[in-house]
């Protein structure tokens, strides 16, 4: 009876759909039907587009959300709903070419995590961290909106596809540079980097996965969408990128002194994002796909390592590396997962970050010799610090009996992201 009822219902749905198509074709007329479809496509294309940038970033957000599906049982339904809303808003902003809609969904994806930082974080200093996030990120939203209104009034359209058609002829480069700085604060790059380690230290682990996973990439998206013609000249010029890499080396040394696992990973994530500015300085907008390929690998790496630390916190009850070592070295499976996660942080082959860094290094030859030397020093430190922690975690083994039911959800999430971090280069 159930099958017959299902077939009857399906037949009715198919008949109604077929009748509607016939009415559209014969009743309205062929030309009217085609005009309707073309008009619908034109309306859609004036709001959305799907290019290589959208492809890489959509993959990143979807992969991170799927990995969090495994651990949704460990967080409240409020966090589940708000994180899902943030991911959906980020997906829309990746593909949106309508300036006002882009700004709305861009900010909504960040505000959702700010809300979770205040209401769901278990740490006492979350209000201070929320003020940092509010000051460095949200308060830049109004100047950003004013700049977008300036561009839309100048070109007479909110469609970004029609902007910069005359290579910025008649457009104030100062306004473009100011808009670029607004996006840089949300990546964040020096000197606007202060908020990230503080927010990561006080946020819940699920929020940290989203912050380092795809929220940091929204700033890169905005820079490439709106400031593409001034990238290597006014924003990511050689002097600024060299200073940023030198500061990143200091971030690596700061990470080696951190006993707090989340702050350690926040410094590492902050330091590795400098590669995006190096890439846009070397290959400009034409090679921005490499920057987003690196962003995809960086987001997966940061997300899987935060999930790994989340599992260790849940088992050990501490964020101290000296205590986490007891948990992470307690079994062969845990040791393999730890090595896999930290290898993605170190950008070891065949991760996507490794191929991106090699490409950027090869393309940086025409620049000054000092740039190449600083880049070599940066790459050496970026791989050395995670390898140092791998050696520290695996030198002595501790046997701790852990309930399988306690950590299987984390293992599923970690395995999913680790596998994609190492095989993603074959797909994208």
Protein backbone atom coordinates (compact mmCIF):
# COMPACT_ATOMS: atom_id res chain seq x y z
CA UNK A 1 0.00 0.00 0.00
CA UNK A 2 2.81 2.38 0.81
CA UNK A 3 4.44 1.78 -2.57
CA UNK A 4 1.16 2.27 -4.46
CA UNK A 5 0.44 5.48 -2.59
CA UNK A 6 3.96 6.72 -3.35
CA UNK A 7 3.53 5.91 -7.07
CA UNK A 8 0.17 7.71 -7.18
CA UNK A 9 1.61 10.79 -5.53
CA UNK A 10 4.67 10.79 -7.81
CA UNK A 11 2.43 10.47 -10.88
CA UNK A 12 0.40 13.50 -9.82
CA UNK A 13 3.53 15.56 -9.25
CA UNK A 14 4.95 14.51 -12.63
CA UNK A 15 1.65 15.27 -14.40
CA UNK A 16 1.41 18.76 -12.86
CA UNK A 17 5.02 19.52 -13.77
CA UNK A 18 4.57 18.23 -17.32
CA UNK A 19 1.34 20.24 -17.75
CA UNK A 20 3.09 23.39 -16.55
CA UNK A 21 5.92 22.87 -19.06
CA UNK A 22 3.44 22.33 -21.90
CA UNK A 23 1.53 25.45 -20.92
CA UNK A 24 4.78 27.43 -20.84
CA UNK A 25 5.77 26.08 -24.26
CA UNK A 26 2.47 26.17 -26.18
CA UNK A 27 0.15 28.42 -24.15
CA UNK A 28 2.55 31.25 -23.49
CA UNK A 29 4.40 30.60 -26.73
CA UNK A 30 7.89 29.49 -27.62
CA UNK A 31 9.31 33.00 -27.83
CA UNK A 32 7.73 34.06 -24.55
CA UNK A 33 9.04 30.95 -22.82
CA UNK A 34 12.55 31.55 -24.10
CA UNK A 35 12.35 35.20 -23.10
CA UNK A 36 11.26 34.19 -19.61
CA UNK A 37 14.15 31.74 -19.25
CA UNK A 38 16.67 34.24 -20.63
CA UNK A 39 15.32 36.94 -18.35
CA UNK A 40 15.53 34.63 -15.35
CA UNK A 41 19.14 33.77 -16.24
CA UNK A 42 19.97 37.46 -16.68
CA UNK A 43 18.51 38.27 -13.28
CA UNK A 44 20.48 35.44 -11.67
CA UNK A 45 23.74 36.43 -13.38
CA UNK A 46 23.37 40.01 -12.15
CA UNK A 47 23.53 38.71 -8.58
CA UNK A 48 25.71 35.57 -8.70
CA UNK A 49 28.60 34.09 -10.61
CA UNK A 50 30.68 30.97 -10.15
CA UNK A 51 34.39 31.16 -11.00
CA UNK A 52 37.58 29.50 -9.79
CA UNK A 53 37.65 31.70 -6.69
CA UNK A 54 34.12 30.66 -5.75
CA UNK A 55 34.96 27.03 -6.46
CA UNK A 56 37.92 26.83 -4.06
CA UNK A 57 36.20 28.74 -1.27
CA UNK A 58 32.93 26.84 -1.59
CA UNK A 59 34.87 23.59 -1.32
CA UNK A 60 36.54 24.90 1.83
CA UNK A 61 33.31 25.90 3.59
CA UNK A 62 31.50 22.71 2.59
CA UNK A 63 34.36 20.46 3.73
CA UNK A 64 34.62 22.23 7.08
CA UNK A 65 30.87 22.03 7.62
CA UNK A 66 30.85 18.30 6.79
CA UNK A 67 33.70 17.76 9.26
CA UNK A 68 31.73 19.58 11.95
CA UNK A 69 28.66 17.43 11.23
CA UNK A 70 30.54 14.55 12.89
CA UNK A 71 30.94 16.56 16.12
CA UNK A 72 27.58 18.36 16.21
CA UNK A 73 26.58 15.96 18.99
CA UNK A 74 29.27 17.59 21.16
CA UNK A 75 27.84 21.11 20.87
CA UNK A 76 24.44 22.67 21.49
CA UNK A 77 21.71 23.02 18.90
CA UNK A 78 22.20 26.79 19.00
CA UNK A 79 25.84 26.42 17.93
CA UNK A 80 24.82 23.95 15.23
CA UNK A 81 22.20 26.30 13.78
CA UNK A 82 24.37 29.43 13.95
CA UNK A 83 27.43 27.72 12.42
CA UNK A 84 25.26 26.37 9.61
CA UNK A 85 23.87 29.86 9.01
CA UNK A 86 27.39 31.29 8.94
CA UNK A 87 28.50 28.67 6.39
CA UNK A 88 25.47 29.38 4.18
CA UNK A 89 26.15 33.13 4.31
CA UNK A 90 29.79 32.54 3.39
CA UNK A 91 28.77 30.40 0.41
CA UNK A 92 26.48 33.15 -0.87
CA UNK A 93 29.17 35.82 -0.43
CA UNK A 94 31.67 33.74 -2.43
CA UNK A 95 29.38 33.68 -5.46
CA UNK A 96 27.69 37.09 -5.11
CA UNK A 97 28.57 39.88 -7.56
CA UNK A 98 25.98 42.32 -6.23
CA UNK A 99 27.96 44.68 -3.99
CA UNK A 100 25.24 45.32 -1.42
CA UNK A 101 24.26 41.65 -1.10
CA UNK A 102 27.93 40.73 -0.87
CA UNK A 103 28.41 43.09 2.06
CA UNK A 104 25.30 41.81 3.87
CA UNK A 105 26.20 38.11 3.69
CA UNK A 106 29.90 38.86 4.22
CA UNK A 107 29.15 40.53 7.54
CA UNK A 108 26.48 38.02 8.56
CA UNK A 109 28.94 35.14 8.31
CA UNK A 110 31.22 36.95 10.79
CA UNK A 111 28.48 38.21 13.10
CA UNK A 112 27.17 34.67 13.58
CA UNK A 113 30.52 33.61 15.04
CA UNK A 114 30.71 36.77 17.15
CA UNK A 115 27.36 35.78 18.64
CA UNK A 116 28.65 32.29 19.44
CA UNK A 117 31.78 33.77 20.99
CA UNK A 118 29.62 35.64 23.50
CA UNK A 119 26.91 33.09 24.31
CA UNK A 120 28.60 29.71 23.83
CA UNK A 121 32.23 30.14 24.83
CA UNK A 122 33.09 28.36 28.13
CA UNK A 123 35.93 30.77 28.97
CA UNK A 124 35.70 33.73 31.33
CA UNK A 125 37.53 36.24 29.12
CA UNK A 126 35.16 35.82 26.17
CA UNK A 127 33.75 39.33 26.56
CA UNK A 128 37.19 40.90 26.18
CA UNK A 129 37.83 38.73 23.12
CA UNK A 130 34.46 39.74 21.68
CA UNK A 131 35.40 43.42 22.05
CA UNK A 132 38.62 42.77 20.18
CA UNK A 133 36.73 41.02 17.40
CA UNK A 134 34.14 43.80 17.36
CA UNK A 135 36.76 46.53 17.25
CA UNK A 136 39.02 45.07 14.60
CA UNK A 137 36.41 43.46 12.36
CA UNK A 138 32.88 44.77 12.74
CA UNK A 139 33.73 48.48 13.13
CA UNK A 140 35.36 48.39 9.70
CA UNK A 141 32.03 47.41 8.15
CA UNK A 142 30.62 50.95 7.86
CA UNK A 143 33.68 52.38 6.01
CA UNK A 144 33.56 49.32 3.77
CA UNK A 145 29.90 49.94 2.99
CA UNK A 146 30.59 53.61 2.20
CA UNK A 147 33.36 52.60 -0.22
CA UNK A 148 31.01 50.15 -1.95
CA UNK A 149 28.37 52.88 -2.29
CA UNK A 150 31.02 55.16 -3.81
CA UNK A 151 31.89 52.55 -6.45
CA UNK A 152 28.25 51.74 -7.20
CA UNK A 153 27.36 55.43 -7.69
CA UNK A 154 30.45 56.01 -9.84
CA UNK A 155 29.70 53.14 -12.23
CA UNK A 156 25.93 53.35 -11.89
CA UNK A 157 25.50 49.70 -10.93
CA UNK A 158 25.83 47.39 -7.96
CA UNK A 159 27.09 44.61 -10.24
CA UNK A 160 30.81 44.13 -9.58
CA UNK A 161 31.25 42.67 -13.07
CA UNK A 162 30.79 46.16 -14.57
CA UNK A 163 33.31 47.79 -12.26
CA UNK A 164 36.95 48.48 -13.13
CA UNK A 165 36.14 48.10 -16.83
CA UNK A 166 38.32 51.11 -17.65
CA UNK A 167 41.23 50.07 -15.43
CA UNK A 168 40.15 52.44 -12.65
CA UNK A 169 40.15 55.46 -14.94
CA UNK A 170 38.60 58.29 -12.94
CA UNK A 171 38.30 56.27 -9.73
CA UNK A 172 40.07 57.49 -6.63
CA UNK A 173 42.88 55.06 -5.87
CA UNK A 174 42.79 56.23 -2.26
CA UNK A 175 39.26 54.87 -1.86
CA UNK A 176 40.32 51.55 -3.36
CA UNK A 177 43.31 51.39 -1.00
CA UNK A 178 41.11 52.19 2.02
CA UNK A 179 38.72 49.42 1.01
CA UNK A 180 41.69 47.07 0.67
CA UNK A 181 42.84 47.93 4.19
CA UNK A 182 39.35 47.13 5.48
CA UNK A 183 39.65 43.66 4.00
CA UNK A 184 43.20 43.21 5.27
CA UNK A 185 41.98 43.69 8.85
CA UNK A 186 39.74 40.65 8.38
CA UNK A 187 42.41 38.30 6.98
CA UNK A 188 44.23 39.54 9.21
CA UNK A 189 47.68 40.69 8.14
CA UNK A 190 50.13 42.88 10.08
CA UNK A 191 49.64 45.33 11.69
CA UNK A 192 45.98 44.29 12.19
CA UNK A 193 46.73 40.82 13.53
CA UNK A 194 46.30 41.39 17.28
CA UNK A 195 42.72 40.21 17.58
CA UNK A 196 43.18 36.71 16.14
CA UNK A 197 45.21 34.93 18.91
CA UNK A 198 43.08 36.58 21.61
CA UNK A 199 39.80 35.53 20.00
CA UNK A 200 41.02 31.98 19.36
CA UNK A 201 42.09 31.60 22.98
CA UNK A 202 38.60 32.46 24.27
CA UNK A 203 36.39 30.99 21.54
CA UNK A 204 34.94 27.51 21.56
CA UNK A 205 36.70 24.97 19.36
CA UNK A 206 33.91 24.91 16.78
CA UNK A 207 34.15 28.69 16.39
CA UNK A 208 37.94 28.42 16.06
CA UNK A 209 37.53 25.91 13.22
CA UNK A 210 35.33 28.40 11.37
CA UNK A 211 37.49 31.44 12.12
CA UNK A 212 40.73 29.96 10.82
CA UNK A 213 38.94 27.82 8.27
CA UNK A 214 36.93 30.19 6.10
CA UNK A 215 36.42 33.54 7.89
CA UNK A 216 40.07 34.53 7.36
CA UNK A 217 39.61 33.80 3.63
CA UNK A 218 36.76 36.29 3.29
CA UNK A 219 39.28 39.12 3.48
CA UNK A 220 41.30 37.58 0.65
CA UNK A 221 38.10 37.28 -1.37
CA UNK A 222 37.29 40.97 -0.86
CA UNK A 223 40.80 42.10 -1.77
CA UNK A 224 40.72 40.15 -5.05
CA UNK A 225 37.16 41.16 -5.92
CA UNK A 226 37.48 44.91 -5.33
CA UNK A 227 41.19 45.83 -5.30
CA UNK A 228 42.59 43.65 -8.07
CA UNK A 229 44.30 46.46 -10.03
CA UNK A 230 46.33 47.84 -7.11
CA UNK A 231 47.40 44.56 -5.49
CA UNK A 232 51.14 44.56 -6.29
CA UNK A 233 51.49 48.35 -6.20
CA UNK A 234 49.53 49.90 -3.35
CA UNK A 235 48.46 47.01 -1.10
CA UNK A 236 50.93 44.11 -1.34
CA UNK A 237 54.01 45.95 -2.52
CA UNK A 238 57.42 44.42 -1.96
CA UNK A 239 58.43 46.40 1.14
CA UNK A 240 55.21 45.61 3.00
CA UNK A 241 55.41 41.90 2.16
CA UNK A 242 59.04 41.67 3.36
CA UNK A 243 58.15 43.31 6.67
CA UNK A 244 55.14 40.98 7.03
CA UNK A 245 57.31 37.91 6.48
CA UNK A 246 59.84 39.12 9.06
CA UNK A 247 56.99 39.63 11.55
CA UNK A 248 55.72 36.16 10.73
CA UNK A 249 59.11 34.73 11.68
CA UNK A 250 58.63 36.40 15.07
CA UNK A 251 55.15 34.80 15.25
CA UNK A 252 56.77 31.39 14.70
CA UNK A 253 59.16 32.01 17.59
CA UNK A 254 56.23 33.18 19.73
CA UNK A 255 54.44 29.93 18.90
CA UNK A 256 57.39 27.87 20.15
CA UNK A 257 57.00 29.53 23.57
CA UNK A 258 53.26 28.87 23.80
CA UNK A 259 52.02 26.10 26.08
CA UNK A 260 48.39 26.82 25.19
CA UNK A 261 47.56 24.63 22.19
CA UNK A 262 44.91 26.96 20.76
CA UNK A 263 47.11 30.05 20.97
CA UNK A 264 49.95 28.04 19.39
CA UNK A 265 47.79 27.09 16.43
CA UNK A 266 46.42 30.66 16.17
CA UNK A 267 49.96 32.02 15.79
CA UNK A 268 50.76 29.33 13.22
CA UNK A 269 47.59 30.06 11.25
CA UNK A 270 48.29 33.78 11.38
CA UNK A 271 51.85 33.30 10.14
CA UNK A 272 50.94 31.01 7.26
CA UNK A 273 48.36 33.44 5.85
CA UNK A 274 51.26 35.69 4.86
CA UNK A 275 51.74 33.37 1.87
CA UNK A 276 48.56 34.83 0.38
CA UNK A 277 50.03 38.34 0.39
CA UNK A 278 53.30 37.00 -1.05
CA UNK A 279 51.39 35.26 -3.84
CA UNK A 280 49.36 38.37 -4.72
CA UNK A 281 52.55 40.45 -4.65
CA UNK A 282 54.41 38.07 -6.99
CA UNK A 283 51.75 36.98 -9.48
CA UNK A 284 49.19 39.78 -8.96
CA UNK A 285 45.51 39.22 -9.77
CA UNK A 286 46.23 36.96 -12.77
CA UNK A 287 47.56 34.26 -10.45
CA UNK A 288 45.03 34.73 -7.68
CA UNK A 289 43.79 31.16 -8.22
CA UNK A 290 47.05 29.99 -6.60
CA UNK A 291 46.31 32.16 -3.57
CA UNK A 292 42.90 30.56 -3.19
CA UNK A 293 44.30 27.08 -3.71
CA UNK A 294 46.64 27.83 -0.81
CA UNK A 295 43.68 29.21 1.16
CA UNK A 296 41.82 25.93 0.61
CA UNK A 297 44.75 23.92 1.94
CA UNK A 298 45.33 26.33 4.82
CA UNK A 299 41.67 26.20 5.87
CA UNK A 300 41.59 22.40 5.86
CA UNK A 301 44.88 22.26 7.80
CA UNK A 302 43.75 24.74 10.46
CA UNK A 303 40.33 23.10 10.75
CA UNK A 304 41.63 19.55 11.20
CA UNK A 305 44.26 20.62 13.76
CA UNK A 306 41.68 22.52 15.81
CA UNK A 307 39.47 19.41 15.79
CA UNK A 308 42.47 17.34 16.92
CA UNK A 309 43.13 19.73 19.81
CA UNK A 310 39.41 19.77 20.59
CA UNK A 311 39.49 15.98 20.96
CA UNK A 312 42.56 16.20 23.20
CA UNK A 313 40.93 18.90 25.36
CA UNK A 314 37.80 16.78 25.73
CA UNK A 315 39.83 13.80 26.91
CA UNK A 316 42.47 15.49 29.06
CA UNK A 317 40.57 18.54 30.28
CA UNK A 318 43.52 20.85 29.60
CA UNK A 319 44.98 22.97 26.80
CA UNK A 320 48.56 22.67 28.03
CA UNK A 321 50.88 20.91 25.59
CA UNK A 322 52.63 19.06 28.43
CA UNK A 323 49.32 17.46 29.39
CA UNK A 324 48.04 17.06 25.85
CA UNK A 325 51.09 14.93 25.14
CA UNK A 326 49.71 12.21 27.44
CA UNK A 327 46.56 12.06 25.33
CA UNK A 328 48.05 12.41 21.85
CA UNK A 329 50.72 9.76 22.40
CA UNK A 330 48.47 7.24 24.16
CA UNK A 331 47.84 5.02 21.14
CA UNK A 332 49.20 4.34 17.67
CA UNK A 333 46.08 5.74 16.03
CA UNK A 334 46.33 8.98 18.00
CA UNK A 335 49.99 9.32 17.09
CA UNK A 336 49.21 8.80 13.40
CA UNK A 337 46.41 11.37 13.50
CA UNK A 338 48.68 13.86 15.28
CA UNK A 339 51.48 13.39 12.76
CA UNK A 340 49.04 13.76 9.86
CA UNK A 341 47.55 16.98 11.23
CA UNK A 342 50.89 18.61 12.07
CA UNK A 343 52.29 17.61 8.68
CA UNK A 344 49.51 19.60 7.05
CA UNK A 345 50.46 22.55 9.26
CA UNK A 346 54.09 22.15 8.14
CA UNK A 347 52.95 22.15 4.47
CA UNK A 348 54.70 18.89 3.73
CA UNK A 349 54.04 17.25 0.34
CA UNK A 350 51.64 16.40 -1.11
CA UNK A 351 49.50 19.06 0.59
CA UNK A 352 48.05 21.90 -1.48
CA UNK A 353 50.03 24.47 0.50
CA UNK A 354 53.30 22.81 -0.55
CA UNK A 355 52.59 23.11 -4.28
CA UNK A 356 51.37 26.69 -3.85
CA UNK A 357 54.51 27.71 -1.97
CA UNK A 358 56.76 26.06 -4.57
CA UNK A 359 54.96 27.90 -7.37
CA UNK A 360 55.23 31.26 -5.60
CA UNK A 361 58.90 30.64 -4.84
CA UNK A 362 59.60 29.93 -8.51
CA UNK A 363 57.75 33.08 -9.58
CA UNK A 364 59.52 35.34 -7.05
CA UNK A 365 62.82 35.18 -8.93
CA UNK A 366 62.37 38.49 -10.84
CA UNK A 367 61.96 40.36 -7.55
CA UNK A 368 64.86 41.53 -5.43
CA UNK A 369 67.38 39.13 -3.92
CA UNK A 370 66.50 40.29 -0.41
CA UNK A 371 62.88 39.29 -1.02
CA UNK A 372 63.96 35.75 -2.00
CA UNK A 373 66.26 35.44 1.05
CA UNK A 374 63.53 36.52 3.47
CA UNK A 375 61.08 34.16 1.77
CA UNK A 376 63.52 31.25 2.19
CA UNK A 377 63.93 32.07 5.89
CA UNK A 378 60.17 32.27 6.31
CA UNK A 379 59.60 28.88 4.64
CA UNK A 380 62.31 27.27 6.74
CA UNK A 381 60.74 28.48 10.01
CA UNK A 382 57.20 27.62 8.87
CA UNK A 383 58.14 23.97 8.43
CA UNK A 384 60.55 23.72 11.36
CA UNK A 385 58.14 24.71 14.15
CA UNK A 386 55.49 21.99 13.49
CA UNK A 387 58.21 19.37 13.01
CA UNK A 388 59.70 20.42 16.34
CA UNK A 389 56.33 19.81 18.01
CA UNK A 390 55.97 16.44 16.28
CA UNK A 391 59.30 15.39 17.76
CA UNK A 392 58.31 16.61 21.20
CA UNK A 393 54.98 14.77 21.13
CA UNK A 394 56.37 11.44 19.92
CA UNK A 395 59.60 11.13 21.91
CA UNK A 396 57.91 9.30 24.79
CA UNK A 397 54.75 7.25 24.68
CA UNK A 398 52.12 7.13 27.41
CA UNK A 399 49.44 4.49 27.70
CA UNK A 400 46.05 5.88 28.69
CA UNK A 401 42.87 3.86 28.25
CA UNK A 402 40.26 5.93 26.40
CA UNK A 403 36.66 5.02 25.72
CA UNK A 404 36.06 4.50 22.02
CA UNK A 405 32.62 6.09 22.23
CA UNK A 406 34.16 9.29 23.60
CA UNK A 407 36.38 10.10 20.65
CA UNK A 408 35.08 8.25 17.58
CA UNK A 409 33.24 11.35 16.31
CA UNK A 410 36.46 13.37 16.47
CA UNK A 411 38.39 10.63 14.69
CA UNK A 412 35.87 10.62 11.84
CA UNK A 413 36.12 14.38 11.44
CA UNK A 414 39.94 14.34 11.59
CA UNK A 415 40.28 11.49 9.09
CA UNK A 416 37.92 13.24 6.67
CA UNK A 417 39.92 16.48 6.65
CA UNK A 418 43.36 14.84 6.74
CA UNK A 419 42.55 12.69 3.71
CA UNK A 420 41.31 15.67 1.72
CA UNK A 421 44.33 17.74 2.77
CA UNK A 422 46.66 15.18 1.19
CA UNK A 423 44.63 14.11 -1.87
CA UNK A 424 43.02 17.47 -2.63
CA UNK A 425 45.80 18.45 -5.04
CA UNK A 426 44.70 15.63 -7.37
CA UNK A 427 41.15 16.94 -7.49
CA UNK A 428 41.62 20.72 -7.70
